[in-house]
């Protein structure tokens, strides 16, 4: 991945939690969440596989949104 692409799409993300089967990551906005989900789903799955965590899911949550809001996605 190009450094500029990483900085643009992942630079403002933050680790939230890891429950073993689910890793939660805060993202700054809904458009960034959608872009990561659409364009980096396979790369994230491959990275998890390389870390020997192929069954883990990454949950992207827009920062500041509660669990009741529909602003999250599981990868």
N, C-alpha and C. Protein backbone atom coordinates (compact mmCIF):
# COMPACT_ATOMS: atom_id res chain seq x y z
N UNK A 1 0.84 -1.17 0.00
CA UNK A 1 0.00 0.00 0.00
C UNK A 1 0.89 1.24 0.00
N UNK A 2 0.52 2.18 -0.82
CA UNK A 2 1.25 3.44 -0.88
C UNK A 2 1.15 4.17 0.46
N UNK A 3 2.23 4.83 0.84
CA UNK A 3 2.25 5.56 2.11
C UNK A 3 1.14 6.61 2.17
N UNK A 4 0.93 7.32 1.08
CA UNK A 4 -0.11 8.36 1.03
C UNK A 4 -1.50 7.75 1.22
N UNK A 5 -1.75 6.60 0.59
CA UNK A 5 -3.04 5.92 0.76
C UNK A 5 -3.24 5.49 2.21
N UNK A 6 -2.20 4.94 2.81
CA UNK A 6 -2.29 4.54 4.20
C UNK A 6 -2.61 5.73 5.09
N UNK A 7 -1.89 6.81 4.89
CA UNK A 7 -2.09 8.02 5.70
C UNK A 7 -3.50 8.57 5.50
N UNK A 8 -3.98 8.59 4.26
CA UNK A 8 -5.29 9.16 3.96
C UNK A 8 -6.42 8.33 4.59
N UNK A 9 -6.37 7.01 4.45
CA UNK A 9 -7.50 6.19 4.86
C UNK A 9 -7.37 5.58 6.25
N UNK A 10 -6.14 5.40 6.73
CA UNK A 10 -5.96 4.75 8.02
C UNK A 10 -5.29 5.65 9.06
N UNK A 11 -4.81 6.80 8.68
CA UNK A 11 -4.07 7.68 9.57
C UNK A 11 -4.85 8.15 10.79
N UNK A 12 -6.15 8.32 10.64
CA UNK A 12 -6.96 8.82 11.76
C UNK A 12 -7.75 7.71 12.45
N UNK A 13 -7.47 6.45 12.10
CA UNK A 13 -8.15 5.35 12.78
C UNK A 13 -7.46 5.09 14.12
N UNK A 14 -8.16 4.41 15.01
CA UNK A 14 -7.58 4.11 16.33
C UNK A 14 -8.10 2.77 16.83
N UNK A 15 -7.21 2.03 17.45
CA UNK A 15 -7.58 0.76 18.08
C UNK A 15 -8.57 1.03 19.21
N UNK A 16 -9.64 0.25 19.26
CA UNK A 16 -10.61 0.38 20.34
C UNK A 16 -10.57 -0.82 21.26
N UNK A 17 -10.65 -2.05 20.70
CA UNK A 17 -10.63 -3.24 21.55
C UNK A 17 -10.38 -4.49 20.72
N UNK A 18 -10.03 -5.56 21.43
CA UNK A 18 -9.81 -6.87 20.81
C UNK A 18 -10.34 -7.92 21.76
N UNK A 19 -11.45 -8.55 21.39
CA UNK A 19 -12.06 -9.57 22.24
C UNK A 19 -11.66 -10.98 21.83
N UNK A 20 -10.70 -11.08 20.94
CA UNK A 20 -10.26 -12.39 20.46
C UNK A 20 -10.85 -12.70 19.10
N UNK A 21 -12.17 -12.71 19.00
CA UNK A 21 -12.80 -12.99 17.72
C UNK A 21 -13.23 -11.70 16.99
N UNK A 22 -13.17 -10.57 17.68
CA UNK A 22 -13.54 -9.30 17.06
C UNK A 22 -12.58 -8.20 17.49
N UNK A 23 -12.05 -7.50 16.49
CA UNK A 23 -11.18 -6.35 16.73
C UNK A 23 -11.98 -5.12 16.33
N UNK A 24 -12.12 -4.18 17.25
CA UNK A 24 -12.87 -2.96 16.98
C UNK A 24 -11.91 -1.82 16.73
N UNK A 25 -12.17 -1.09 15.66
CA UNK A 25 -11.33 0.04 15.26
C UNK A 25 -12.21 1.26 15.08
N UNK A 26 -11.83 2.36 15.71
CA UNK A 26 -12.54 3.62 15.52
C UNK A 26 -12.10 4.25 14.20
N UNK A 27 -13.04 4.77 13.45
CA UNK A 27 -12.74 5.53 12.24
C UNK A 27 -13.39 6.90 12.38
N UNK A 28 -12.83 7.93 11.74
CA UNK A 28 -13.30 9.30 11.99
C UNK A 28 -14.61 9.68 11.31
N UNK A 29 -15.00 8.97 10.24
CA UNK A 29 -16.22 9.38 9.54
C UNK A 29 -16.82 8.20 8.78
N UNK A 30 -18.08 8.34 8.45
CA UNK A 30 -18.78 7.31 7.69
C UNK A 30 -18.19 7.11 6.29
N UNK A 31 -17.83 8.17 5.55
CA UNK A 31 -17.22 7.95 4.24
C UNK A 31 -15.90 7.17 4.32
N UNK A 32 -15.10 7.44 5.33
CA UNK A 32 -13.85 6.69 5.49
C UNK A 32 -14.15 5.24 5.85
N UNK A 33 -15.13 5.00 6.71
CA UNK A 33 -15.52 3.63 7.05
C UNK A 33 -15.94 2.86 5.80
N UNK A 34 -16.79 3.48 4.99
CA UNK A 34 -17.25 2.82 3.76
C UNK A 34 -16.11 2.55 2.80
N UNK A 35 -15.19 3.51 2.66
CA UNK A 35 -14.06 3.34 1.75
C UNK A 35 -13.18 2.18 2.19
N UNK A 36 -12.85 2.12 3.47
CA UNK A 36 -12.02 1.03 3.98
C UNK A 36 -12.73 -0.31 3.76
N UNK A 37 -14.01 -0.36 4.07
CA UNK A 37 -14.77 -1.60 3.91
C UNK A 37 -14.76 -2.06 2.45
N UNK A 38 -15.00 -1.15 1.52
CA UNK A 38 -15.06 -1.50 0.10
C UNK A 38 -13.70 -1.86 -0.49
N UNK A 39 -12.67 -1.12 -0.11
CA UNK A 39 -11.40 -1.23 -0.81
C UNK A 39 -10.31 -2.02 -0.10
N UNK A 40 -10.47 -2.25 1.18
CA UNK A 40 -9.39 -2.91 1.94
C UNK A 40 -9.84 -4.16 2.68
N UNK A 41 -11.06 -4.62 2.44
CA UNK A 41 -11.58 -5.82 3.10
C UNK A 41 -10.65 -7.02 2.88
N UNK A 42 -10.26 -7.27 1.64
CA UNK A 42 -9.41 -8.42 1.34
C UNK A 42 -8.02 -8.28 1.96
N UNK A 43 -7.46 -7.09 1.92
CA UNK A 43 -6.13 -6.86 2.50
C UNK A 43 -6.17 -7.06 4.02
N UNK A 44 -7.24 -6.62 4.67
CA UNK A 44 -7.37 -6.81 6.11
C UNK A 44 -7.52 -8.30 6.43
N UNK A 45 -8.33 -9.01 5.65
CA UNK A 45 -8.49 -10.45 5.86
C UNK A 45 -7.15 -11.17 5.68
N UNK A 46 -6.39 -10.78 4.68
CA UNK A 46 -5.08 -11.39 4.44
C UNK A 46 -4.11 -11.09 5.59
N UNK A 47 -4.16 -9.87 6.11
CA UNK A 47 -3.30 -9.52 7.24
C UNK A 47 -3.66 -10.34 8.48
N UNK A 48 -4.95 -10.52 8.72
CA UNK A 48 -5.38 -11.34 9.86
C UNK A 48 -4.92 -12.78 9.68
N UNK A 49 -5.02 -13.29 8.47
CA UNK A 49 -4.57 -14.65 8.19
C UNK A 49 -3.08 -14.79 8.45
N UNK A 50 -2.30 -13.79 8.03
CA UNK A 50 -0.85 -13.84 8.24
C UNK A 50 -0.48 -13.75 9.71
N UNK A 51 -1.39 -13.20 10.53
CA UNK A 51 -1.18 -13.12 11.97
C UNK A 51 -1.77 -14.33 12.69
N UNK A 52 -2.17 -15.34 11.92
CA UNK A 52 -2.77 -16.57 12.44
C UNK A 52 -4.08 -16.28 13.18
N UNK A 53 -4.85 -15.32 12.62
CA UNK A 53 -6.16 -14.97 13.18
C UNK A 53 -7.21 -14.91 12.06
N UNK A 54 -7.29 -15.97 11.27
CA UNK A 54 -8.17 -15.93 10.08
C UNK A 54 -9.65 -15.84 10.41
N UNK A 55 -10.06 -16.19 11.62
CA UNK A 55 -11.49 -16.14 11.96
C UNK A 55 -11.88 -14.85 12.68
N UNK A 56 -10.91 -14.00 12.97
CA UNK A 56 -11.21 -12.73 13.63
C UNK A 56 -11.90 -11.79 12.65
N UNK A 57 -12.80 -10.97 13.17
CA UNK A 57 -13.49 -9.96 12.37
C UNK A 57 -13.06 -8.59 12.85
N UNK A 58 -12.90 -7.68 11.89
CA UNK A 58 -12.60 -6.30 12.23
C UNK A 58 -13.90 -5.52 12.13
N UNK A 59 -14.23 -4.84 13.19
CA UNK A 59 -15.44 -4.01 13.24
C UNK A 59 -15.00 -2.55 13.19
N UNK A 60 -15.44 -1.86 12.16
CA UNK A 60 -15.13 -0.44 12.00
C UNK A 60 -16.28 0.36 12.56
N UNK A 61 -15.99 1.22 13.53
CA UNK A 61 -17.03 2.02 14.18
C UNK A 61 -16.67 3.49 14.04
N UNK A 62 -17.63 4.28 13.57
CA UNK A 62 -17.40 5.72 13.44
C UNK A 62 -17.28 6.30 14.85
N UNK A 63 -16.18 6.96 15.12
CA UNK A 63 -15.92 7.54 16.45
C UNK A 63 -17.07 8.45 16.86
N UNK A 64 -17.48 8.29 18.11
CA UNK A 64 -18.55 9.12 18.64
C UNK A 64 -19.92 8.53 18.47
N UNK A 65 -20.04 7.41 17.75
CA UNK A 65 -21.33 6.78 17.55
C UNK A 65 -21.53 5.70 18.61
N UNK A 66 -22.75 5.51 19.06
CA UNK A 66 -23.04 4.47 20.04
C UNK A 66 -23.32 3.16 19.34
N UNK A 67 -23.36 2.06 20.11
CA UNK A 67 -23.66 0.75 19.55
C UNK A 67 -25.04 0.69 18.92
N UNK A 68 -25.95 1.57 19.35
CA UNK A 68 -27.31 1.57 18.81
C UNK A 68 -27.38 2.20 17.42
N UNK A 69 -26.39 3.00 17.06
CA UNK A 69 -26.37 3.64 15.76
C UNK A 69 -25.89 2.65 14.71
N UNK A 70 -26.26 2.88 13.47
CA UNK A 70 -25.94 1.97 12.39
C UNK A 70 -24.70 2.42 11.63
N UNK A 71 -23.70 2.88 12.32
CA UNK A 71 -22.51 3.41 11.68
C UNK A 71 -21.32 2.51 11.94
N UNK A 72 -21.50 1.21 11.77
CA UNK A 72 -20.39 0.28 11.93
C UNK A 72 -20.49 -0.80 10.86
N UNK A 73 -19.38 -1.49 10.66
CA UNK A 73 -19.36 -2.59 9.70
C UNK A 73 -18.38 -3.63 10.18
N UNK A 74 -18.73 -4.88 9.98
CA UNK A 74 -17.83 -5.98 10.28
C UNK A 74 -17.14 -6.39 9.01
N UNK A 75 -15.82 -6.54 9.06
CA UNK A 75 -15.06 -7.00 7.91
C UNK A 75 -14.68 -8.43 8.08
